[in-house]
Each structure stands twice: as structure tokens, then as C-alpha cells.
């Protein structure tokens, strides 16, 4: 991060809301995340073992560990060519970061992310293959065209 801010580190656990998918006939999918309870210890171990490029013990020592990061993506089909995508998230950047900077950065990153999702939506299925597994809201595998043909 630019001076005078320090880098932030976090480790999240993700899961699917299978009960919601089952209750809606697999029509509404929710994929949520939250900070792992053992974030600090696991990130410290990763830094100690030097398994991630550009994450040294010193980088870890200087960084701020996020105190809060949770949320979810919720998706449901609206029509044959439309999907409603809802994102809700709560994050505490930790340390002393001006609220205005956080708000501007969040809006910019969210706009970039949603623009990329929209741009990729027309080609995502064509690029999906056996090397990357994608799962429905109920946890079942979505087969690639190569597997399903």
C-alpha cells in the first residue's frame, strides 16, 4: 500500500449456503466468506516458510491483519439472459485509514470487479474446462462442455 499506509493481510474461509439452494430448488445460490479463526497463525506460518512470493517474515511483521472481513455473493436467474447478482460485505481495514480513502477505493474496486464479471460472462462457459471445477449452489459439479458432451 502507498505510504503512509501499511499492507493488509487476511485469510478467509468460504462456503456455500446449501440449505438456501435446496430450499429454492437450486435457483438461488449464496457463496459466503469470513475471516478464518486462525488467520494470524496461518499467515505467520506461510511467511515463515516463505511459500508465497513477496511475503517474507518482515512483510508479515509490518502488515496489519484485518480484524474483520465477511460477506457473500448471492445469485439468482431473473430470465434466460439475466442473473441478479447481490454482494454484501463488511470489512474493517484496521489501523488508521481515512474513511474517504476507504470509500473511494471500495467504489473503484467494486466497479472494476463488476465490469469484469459482466465482460467475462459471455465467454466464461466457453473457457471452462477440466482444470478448473465450478460448483452449483447446492455443491454439485457443473460439468464442462468437454465433460458433458
N, C-alpha and C. Protein backbone atom coordinates (compact mmCIF):
# COMPACT_ATOMS: atom_id res chain seq x y z
N UNK A 1 0.85 -1.18 0.00
CA UNK A 1 0.00 0.00 0.00
C UNK A 1 0.89 1.24 0.00
N UNK A 2 0.40 2.34 -0.52
CA UNK A 2 1.21 3.56 -0.58
C UNK A 2 1.47 4.12 0.82
N UNK A 3 2.61 4.78 0.97
CA UNK A 3 2.94 5.44 2.22
C UNK A 3 1.85 6.45 2.53
N UNK A 4 1.42 6.66 3.70
CA UNK A 4 1.92 6.11 4.97
C UNK A 4 1.19 4.84 5.41
N UNK A 5 0.41 4.24 4.51
CA UNK A 5 -0.36 3.05 4.87
C UNK A 5 0.52 1.80 4.83
N UNK A 6 0.09 0.79 5.56
CA UNK A 6 0.82 -0.48 5.56
C UNK A 6 -0.04 -1.54 4.86
N UNK A 7 0.63 -2.57 4.31
CA UNK A 7 -0.08 -3.67 3.67
C UNK A 7 -1.03 -4.32 4.67
N UNK A 8 -2.10 -4.92 4.12
CA UNK A 8 -3.06 -5.66 4.92
C UNK A 8 -2.98 -7.13 4.53
N UNK A 9 -3.14 -7.99 5.52
CA UNK A 9 -3.18 -9.43 5.27
C UNK A 9 -4.46 -9.99 5.87
N UNK A 10 -5.00 -11.00 5.21
CA UNK A 10 -6.17 -11.69 5.76
C UNK A 10 -6.25 -13.08 5.14
N UNK A 11 -6.93 -13.95 5.83
CA UNK A 11 -7.16 -15.32 5.37
C UNK A 11 -8.63 -15.62 5.63
N UNK A 12 -9.34 -16.02 4.59
CA UNK A 12 -10.77 -16.27 4.73
C UNK A 12 -11.10 -17.74 4.50
N UNK A 13 -12.24 -18.13 5.03
CA UNK A 13 -12.83 -19.44 4.74
C UNK A 13 -14.10 -19.16 3.95
N UNK A 14 -14.34 -19.97 2.93
CA UNK A 14 -15.53 -19.79 2.10
C UNK A 14 -16.40 -21.04 2.17
N UNK A 15 -17.69 -20.85 1.93
CA UNK A 15 -18.60 -21.99 1.87
C UNK A 15 -19.86 -21.59 1.11
N UNK A 16 -20.61 -22.59 0.73
CA UNK A 16 -21.86 -22.37 0.01
C UNK A 16 -23.03 -22.59 0.97
N UNK A 17 -24.09 -21.83 0.78
CA UNK A 17 -25.30 -21.99 1.57
C UNK A 17 -26.15 -23.05 0.88
N UNK A 18 -25.86 -24.29 1.17
CA UNK A 18 -26.57 -25.40 0.51
C UNK A 18 -28.04 -25.46 0.91
N UNK A 19 -28.34 -25.07 2.14
CA UNK A 19 -29.75 -25.08 2.58
C UNK A 19 -30.58 -24.13 1.75
N UNK A 20 -30.05 -22.93 1.45
CA UNK A 20 -30.77 -21.98 0.61
C UNK A 20 -30.97 -22.54 -0.79
N UNK A 21 -29.93 -23.13 -1.36
CA UNK A 21 -30.04 -23.72 -2.70
C UNK A 21 -31.11 -24.82 -2.72
N UNK A 22 -31.08 -25.69 -1.72
CA UNK A 22 -32.06 -26.78 -1.67
C UNK A 22 -33.47 -26.24 -1.47
N UNK A 23 -33.64 -25.24 -0.61
CA UNK A 23 -34.96 -24.68 -0.32
C UNK A 23 -35.56 -23.97 -1.53
N UNK A 24 -34.72 -23.52 -2.47
CA UNK A 24 -35.21 -22.79 -3.64
C UNK A 24 -35.09 -23.61 -4.92
N UNK A 25 -34.95 -24.92 -4.79
CA UNK A 25 -34.82 -25.75 -5.99
C UNK A 25 -33.56 -25.43 -6.78
N UNK A 26 -32.51 -25.05 -6.07
CA UNK A 26 -31.23 -24.69 -6.67
C UNK A 26 -31.33 -23.44 -7.56
N UNK A 27 -32.28 -22.57 -7.24
CA UNK A 27 -32.48 -21.34 -8.02
C UNK A 27 -31.71 -20.15 -7.44
N UNK A 28 -31.45 -20.16 -6.14
CA UNK A 28 -30.70 -19.07 -5.51
C UNK A 28 -29.43 -19.66 -4.91
N UNK A 29 -28.31 -19.08 -5.29
CA UNK A 29 -27.01 -19.55 -4.81
C UNK A 29 -26.39 -18.46 -3.94
N UNK A 30 -25.85 -18.88 -2.81
CA UNK A 30 -25.13 -17.95 -1.95
C UNK A 30 -23.77 -18.56 -1.62
N UNK A 31 -22.74 -17.77 -1.83
CA UNK A 31 -21.37 -18.20 -1.51
C UNK A 31 -20.82 -17.17 -0.55
N UNK A 32 -20.59 -17.59 0.70
CA UNK A 32 -20.17 -16.61 1.69
C UNK A 32 -18.75 -16.86 2.18
N UNK A 33 -18.20 -15.84 2.83
CA UNK A 33 -16.84 -15.92 3.37
C UNK A 33 -16.76 -15.19 4.69
N UNK A 34 -15.74 -15.53 5.44
CA UNK A 34 -15.45 -14.86 6.70
C UNK A 34 -14.01 -15.14 7.08
N UNK A 35 -13.46 -14.30 7.91
CA UNK A 35 -12.09 -14.50 8.35
C UNK A 35 -11.95 -15.85 9.04
N UNK A 36 -10.87 -16.52 8.73
CA UNK A 36 -10.57 -17.77 9.42
C UNK A 36 -10.18 -17.45 10.86
N UNK A 37 -10.64 -18.27 11.81
CA UNK A 37 -10.32 -18.03 13.21
C UNK A 37 -8.83 -18.02 13.48
N UNK A 38 -8.10 -18.78 12.71
CA UNK A 38 -6.65 -18.91 12.92
C UNK A 38 -5.85 -18.12 11.89
N UNK A 39 -6.41 -17.02 11.36
CA UNK A 39 -5.75 -16.23 10.32
C UNK A 39 -4.33 -15.84 10.67
N UNK A 40 -4.17 -15.24 11.83
CA UNK A 40 -2.86 -14.72 12.21
C UNK A 40 -1.82 -15.83 12.21
N UNK A 41 -2.10 -16.94 12.85
CA UNK A 41 -1.14 -18.04 12.95
C UNK A 41 -0.85 -18.66 11.58
N UNK A 42 -1.86 -18.80 10.76
CA UNK A 42 -1.64 -19.42 9.44
C UNK A 42 -0.86 -18.51 8.52
N UNK A 43 -1.15 -17.20 8.54
CA UNK A 43 -0.38 -16.27 7.70
C UNK A 43 1.06 -16.20 8.20
N UNK A 44 1.25 -16.19 9.50
CA UNK A 44 2.61 -16.20 10.07
C UNK A 44 3.37 -17.43 9.61
N UNK A 45 2.72 -18.59 9.59
CA UNK A 45 3.37 -19.82 9.15
C UNK A 45 3.74 -19.75 7.67
N UNK A 46 2.85 -19.21 6.85
CA UNK A 46 3.12 -19.07 5.41
C UNK A 46 4.33 -18.16 5.21
N UNK A 47 4.38 -17.04 5.94
CA UNK A 47 5.52 -16.12 5.83
C UNK A 47 6.81 -16.79 6.32
N UNK A 48 6.71 -17.53 7.42
CA UNK A 48 7.89 -18.20 7.98
C UNK A 48 8.47 -19.22 6.99
N UNK A 49 7.59 -19.96 6.31
CA UNK A 49 8.04 -20.98 5.36
C UNK A 49 8.40 -20.41 4.00
N UNK A 50 8.10 -19.11 3.78
CA UNK A 50 8.45 -18.42 2.54
C UNK A 50 7.87 -19.12 1.31
N UNK A 51 6.57 -19.47 1.38
CA UNK A 51 5.93 -20.20 0.28
C UNK A 51 5.17 -19.30 -0.68
N UNK A 52 5.02 -18.03 -0.34
CA UNK A 52 4.33 -17.08 -1.22
C UNK A 52 5.34 -16.01 -1.63
N UNK A 53 5.47 -15.82 -2.94
CA UNK A 53 6.38 -14.77 -3.42
C UNK A 53 6.03 -13.44 -2.77
N UNK A 54 7.03 -12.69 -2.43
CA UNK A 54 6.88 -11.34 -1.87
C UNK A 54 6.13 -11.30 -0.54
N UNK A 55 6.18 -12.39 0.22
CA UNK A 55 5.62 -12.38 1.57
C UNK A 55 6.68 -12.96 2.51
N UNK A 56 7.53 -12.09 2.96
CA UNK A 56 8.60 -12.51 3.88
C UNK A 56 8.14 -12.34 5.32
N UNK A 57 8.97 -12.80 6.25
CA UNK A 57 8.67 -12.60 7.67
C UNK A 57 8.57 -11.12 7.99
N UNK A 58 9.45 -10.33 7.38
CA UNK A 58 9.43 -8.89 7.62
C UNK A 58 8.15 -8.26 7.07
N UNK A 59 7.72 -8.70 5.88
CA UNK A 59 6.45 -8.20 5.31
C UNK A 59 5.31 -8.48 6.28
N UNK A 60 5.29 -9.70 6.81
CA UNK A 60 4.23 -10.09 7.74
C UNK A 60 4.31 -9.24 9.01
N UNK A 61 5.50 -9.05 9.53
CA UNK A 61 5.69 -8.30 10.76
C UNK A 61 5.17 -6.87 10.64
N UNK A 62 5.38 -6.25 9.47
CA UNK A 62 4.98 -4.85 9.25
C UNK A 62 3.50 -4.69 8.89
N UNK A 63 2.86 -5.75 8.41
CA UNK A 63 1.49 -5.65 7.90
C UNK A 63 0.45 -5.60 9.02
N UNK A 64 -0.72 -5.11 8.66
CA UNK A 64 -1.87 -5.10 9.55
C UNK A 64 -2.73 -6.31 9.18
N UNK A 65 -3.11 -7.09 10.17
CA UNK A 65 -4.02 -8.21 9.94
C UNK A 65 -5.44 -7.67 10.07
N UNK A 66 -6.26 -7.89 9.04
CA UNK A 66 -7.62 -7.36 9.08
C UNK A 66 -8.38 -7.93 10.26
N UNK A 67 -9.04 -7.06 11.04
CA UNK A 67 -9.83 -7.56 12.16
C UNK A 67 -11.22 -8.07 11.74
N UNK A 68 -11.67 -7.68 10.52
CA UNK A 68 -13.00 -8.11 10.08
C UNK A 68 -13.07 -8.13 8.56
N UNK A 69 -13.59 -9.22 8.02
CA UNK A 69 -13.82 -9.34 6.59
C UNK A 69 -14.81 -10.48 6.39
N UNK A 70 -16.05 -10.15 6.10
CA UNK A 70 -17.04 -11.19 5.84
C UNK A 70 -18.08 -10.67 4.86
N UNK A 71 -18.77 -11.60 4.23
CA UNK A 71 -19.80 -11.21 3.28
C UNK A 71 -20.23 -12.39 2.44
N UNK A 72 -20.94 -12.09 1.36
CA UNK A 72 -21.43 -13.16 0.48
C UNK A 72 -21.80 -12.60 -0.89
N UNK A 73 -21.73 -13.50 -1.85
CA UNK A 73 -22.30 -13.28 -3.18
C UNK A 73 -23.60 -14.08 -3.21
N UNK A 74 -24.67 -13.47 -3.70
CA UNK A 74 -25.94 -14.18 -3.88
C UNK A 74 -26.34 -14.01 -5.33
N UNK A 75 -26.72 -15.11 -5.98
CA UNK A 75 -27.08 -15.05 -7.40
C UNK A 75 -28.36 -15.83 -7.66
N UNK A 76 -29.19 -15.28 -8.53
CA UNK A 76 -30.39 -15.98 -8.96
C UNK A 76 -30.71 -15.57 -10.40
N UNK A 77 -31.21 -16.51 -11.15
CA UNK A 77 -31.57 -16.26 -12.54
C UNK A 77 -32.86 -15.44 -12.58
N UNK A 78 -32.84 -14.34 -13.34
CA UNK A 78 -34.02 -13.49 -13.48
C UNK A 78 -34.77 -13.85 -14.75
N UNK A 79 -34.03 -14.09 -15.81
CA UNK A 79 -34.60 -14.50 -17.09
C UNK A 79 -33.55 -15.34 -17.81
N UNK A 80 -33.85 -15.76 -19.00
CA UNK A 80 -32.90 -16.61 -19.74
C UNK A 80 -31.54 -15.95 -19.90
N UNK A 81 -31.51 -14.64 -20.04
CA UNK A 81 -30.25 -13.93 -20.28
C UNK A 81 -29.84 -12.99 -19.15
N UNK A 82 -30.50 -13.08 -18.01
CA UNK A 82 -30.19 -12.16 -16.92
C UNK A 82 -30.05 -12.90 -15.59
N UNK A 83 -29.04 -12.50 -14.83
CA UNK A 83 -28.82 -13.03 -13.49
C UNK A 83 -28.70 -11.84 -12.54
N UNK A 84 -29.43 -11.92 -11.45
CA UNK A 84 -29.31 -10.90 -10.41
C UNK A 84 -28.14 -11.31 -9.52
N UNK A 85 -27.19 -10.39 -9.36
CA UNK A 85 -26.02 -10.63 -8.51
C UNK A 85 -26.05 -9.62 -7.38
N UNK A 86 -26.00 -10.12 -6.16
CA UNK A 86 -26.01 -9.27 -4.97
C UNK A 86 -24.72 -9.55 -4.20
N UNK A 87 -24.06 -8.51 -3.78
CA UNK A 87 -22.86 -8.63 -2.96
C UNK A 87 -23.09 -7.86 -1.68
N UNK A 88 -22.85 -8.52 -0.56
CA UNK A 88 -22.83 -7.79 0.70
C UNK A 88 -21.55 -8.15 1.42
N UNK A 89 -20.92 -7.14 2.00
CA UNK A 89 -19.63 -7.35 2.65
C UNK A 89 -19.41 -6.34 3.76
N UNK A 90 -18.68 -6.78 4.76
CA UNK A 90 -18.26 -5.92 5.85
C UNK A 90 -16.78 -6.13 6.05
N UNK A 91 -16.02 -5.03 6.07
CA UNK A 91 -14.58 -5.14 6.25
C UNK A 91 -14.11 -4.01 7.15
N UNK A 92 -13.23 -4.34 8.06
CA UNK A 92 -12.56 -3.34 8.87
C UNK A 92 -11.10 -3.38 8.44
N UNK A 93 -10.62 -2.27 7.88
CA UNK A 93 -9.25 -2.23 7.36
C UNK A 93 -8.20 -2.26 8.47
N UNK A 94 -8.60 -1.99 9.70
CA UNK A 94 -7.64 -1.97 10.79
C UNK A 94 -6.73 -0.76 10.67
N UNK A 95 -6.13 -0.38 11.76
CA UNK A 95 -5.20 0.75 11.73
C UNK A 95 -5.89 2.06 11.44
N UNK A 96 -5.09 3.02 11.02
CA UNK A 96 -5.58 4.37 10.78
C UNK A 96 -5.66 4.63 9.28
N UNK A 97 -6.82 4.36 8.68
CA UNK A 97 -7.03 4.62 7.26
C UNK A 97 -8.21 5.59 7.16
N UNK A 98 -8.01 6.73 6.50
CA UNK A 98 -9.10 7.71 6.38
C UNK A 98 -10.34 7.10 5.71
N UNK A 99 -11.52 7.39 6.27
CA UNK A 99 -12.77 6.85 5.74
C UNK A 99 -12.96 7.18 4.26
N UNK A 100 -12.62 8.41 3.87
CA UNK A 100 -12.77 8.82 2.47
C UNK A 100 -11.93 7.98 1.53
N UNK A 101 -10.72 7.64 1.94
CA UNK A 101 -9.84 6.81 1.11
C UNK A 101 -10.43 5.41 0.98
N UNK A 102 -10.94 4.86 2.07
CA UNK A 102 -11.55 3.53 2.03
C UNK A 102 -12.77 3.54 1.10
N UNK A 103 -13.62 4.54 1.22
CA UNK A 103 -14.83 4.62 0.39
C UNK A 103 -14.48 4.73 -1.09
N UNK A 104 -13.53 5.62 -1.43
CA UNK A 104 -13.14 5.77 -2.84
C UNK A 104 -12.54 4.48 -3.39
N UNK A 105 -11.66 3.86 -2.64
CA UNK A 105 -11.03 2.63 -3.07
C UNK A 105 -12.05 1.50 -3.25
N UNK A 106 -12.98 1.42 -2.31
CA UNK A 106 -14.02 0.38 -2.39
C UNK A 106 -14.88 0.56 -3.63
N UNK A 107 -15.33 1.77 -3.88
CA UNK A 107 -16.16 2.02 -5.07
C UNK A 107 -15.40 1.69 -6.35
N UNK A 108 -14.13 2.09 -6.41
CA UNK A 108 -13.32 1.84 -7.61
C UNK A 108 -13.14 0.33 -7.82
N UNK A 109 -12.79 -0.39 -6.78
CA UNK A 109 -12.56 -1.83 -6.90
C UNK A 109 -13.85 -2.57 -7.24
N UNK A 110 -14.96 -2.17 -6.63
CA UNK A 110 -16.23 -2.82 -6.90
C UNK A 110 -16.65 -2.59 -8.35
N UNK A 111 -16.50 -1.36 -8.83
CA UNK A 111 -16.84 -1.05 -10.22
C UNK A 111 -16.00 -1.90 -11.19
N UNK A 112 -14.68 -1.99 -10.92
CA UNK A 112 -13.80 -2.80 -11.77
C UNK A 112 -14.21 -4.26 -11.75
N UNK A 113 -14.51 -4.78 -10.57
CA UNK A 113 -14.87 -6.19 -10.43
C UNK A 113 -16.18 -6.50 -11.16
N UNK A 114 -17.20 -5.66 -10.99
CA UNK A 114 -18.47 -5.92 -11.65
C UNK A 114 -18.37 -5.76 -13.16
N UNK A 115 -17.58 -4.82 -13.62
CA UNK A 115 -17.36 -4.65 -15.06
C UNK A 115 -16.69 -5.89 -15.64
N UNK A 116 -15.71 -6.44 -14.92
CA UNK A 116 -15.02 -7.65 -15.38
C UNK A 116 -15.97 -8.85 -15.38
N UNK A 117 -16.79 -8.97 -14.36
CA UNK A 117 -17.76 -10.08 -14.32
C UNK A 117 -18.69 -9.99 -15.52
N UNK A 118 -19.19 -8.81 -15.80
CA UNK A 118 -20.09 -8.64 -16.94
C UNK A 118 -19.38 -8.97 -18.25
N UNK A 119 -18.15 -8.49 -18.41
CA UNK A 119 -17.40 -8.74 -19.65
C UNK A 119 -17.09 -10.23 -19.81
N UNK A 120 -16.78 -10.90 -18.72
CA UNK A 120 -16.43 -12.32 -18.78
C UNK A 120 -17.63 -13.24 -18.90
N UNK A 121 -18.82 -12.74 -18.60
CA UNK A 121 -19.99 -13.61 -18.56
C UNK A 121 -20.31 -14.25 -19.90
N UNK A 122 -20.01 -13.59 -21.00
CA UNK A 122 -20.31 -14.15 -22.32
C UNK A 122 -19.34 -15.25 -22.72
N UNK A 123 -18.15 -15.26 -22.15
CA UNK A 123 -17.14 -16.25 -22.56
C UNK A 123 -16.76 -17.23 -21.46
N UNK A 124 -17.30 -17.05 -20.27
CA UNK A 124 -16.87 -17.87 -19.13
C UNK A 124 -17.09 -19.36 -19.40
N UNK A 125 -18.26 -19.74 -19.88
CA UNK A 125 -18.54 -21.16 -20.08
C UNK A 125 -17.64 -21.75 -21.16
N UNK A 126 -17.37 -20.99 -22.21
CA UNK A 126 -16.51 -21.49 -23.29
C UNK A 126 -15.08 -21.72 -22.80
N UNK A 127 -14.66 -20.96 -21.80
CA UNK A 127 -13.30 -21.11 -21.28
C UNK A 127 -13.18 -22.12 -20.15
N UNK A 128 -14.29 -22.64 -19.68
CA UNK A 128 -14.32 -23.58 -18.56
C UNK A 128 -13.89 -24.96 -19.06
N UNK A 129 -12.93 -25.56 -18.39
CA UNK A 129 -12.50 -26.90 -18.77
C UNK A 129 -12.20 -27.74 -17.53
N UNK A 130 -11.68 -28.92 -17.72
CA UNK A 130 -11.46 -29.87 -16.62
C UNK A 130 -10.46 -29.39 -15.59
N UNK A 131 -9.62 -28.43 -15.93
CA UNK A 131 -8.60 -27.97 -14.98
C UNK A 131 -9.19 -27.13 -13.87
N UNK A 132 -10.40 -26.63 -14.04
CA UNK A 132 -10.99 -25.74 -13.06
C UNK A 132 -12.43 -26.18 -12.79
N UNK A 133 -12.70 -26.61 -11.59
CA UNK A 133 -14.03 -27.09 -11.24
C UNK A 133 -14.89 -25.94 -10.73
N UNK A 134 -16.13 -25.88 -11.19
CA UNK A 134 -17.09 -24.89 -10.72
C UNK A 134 -18.29 -25.66 -10.18
N UNK A 135 -18.79 -25.22 -9.03
CA UNK A 135 -19.87 -25.93 -8.35
C UNK A 135 -21.11 -25.07 -8.25
N UNK A 136 -22.27 -25.72 -8.37
CA UNK A 136 -23.56 -25.05 -8.20
C UNK A 136 -23.75 -24.65 -6.74
N UNK A 137 -24.80 -23.92 -6.48
CA UNK A 137 -25.11 -23.51 -5.12
C UNK A 137 -25.36 -24.67 -4.18
N UNK A 138 -25.81 -25.81 -4.72
CA UNK A 138 -26.05 -26.98 -3.87
C UNK A 138 -24.81 -27.84 -3.69
N UNK A 139 -23.68 -27.40 -4.29
CA UNK A 139 -22.42 -28.13 -4.14
C UNK A 139 -22.14 -29.13 -5.24
N UNK A 140 -23.07 -29.35 -6.17
CA UNK A 140 -22.83 -30.31 -7.25
C UNK A 140 -21.97 -29.67 -8.35
N UNK A 141 -21.17 -30.49 -9.00
CA UNK A 141 -20.24 -30.03 -10.03
C UNK A 141 -20.98 -29.62 -11.30
N UNK A 142 -20.62 -28.48 -11.86
CA UNK A 142 -21.10 -28.08 -13.18
C UNK A 142 -20.09 -28.65 -14.16
N UNK A 143 -20.55 -29.55 -15.00
CA UNK A 143 -19.63 -30.19 -15.94
C UNK A 143 -19.27 -29.23 -17.07
N UNK A 144 -18.02 -29.33 -17.51
CA UNK A 144 -17.60 -28.52 -18.65
C UNK A 144 -18.24 -29.11 -19.89
N UNK A 145 -18.23 -28.36 -20.96
CA UNK A 145 -18.80 -28.88 -22.22
C UNK A 145 -18.06 -30.14 -22.65
N UNK A 146 -16.74 -30.16 -22.41
CA UNK A 146 -15.96 -31.32 -22.82
C UNK A 146 -16.39 -32.55 -22.03
N UNK A 147 -16.68 -32.37 -20.72
CA UNK A 147 -17.10 -33.49 -19.90
C UNK A 147 -18.54 -33.89 -20.20
N UNK A 148 -19.40 -32.89 -20.46
CA UNK A 148 -20.82 -33.14 -20.63
C UNK A 148 -21.21 -33.60 -22.02
N UNK A 149 -20.35 -33.46 -22.98
CA UNK A 149 -20.70 -33.84 -24.35
C UNK A 149 -20.55 -35.32 -24.57
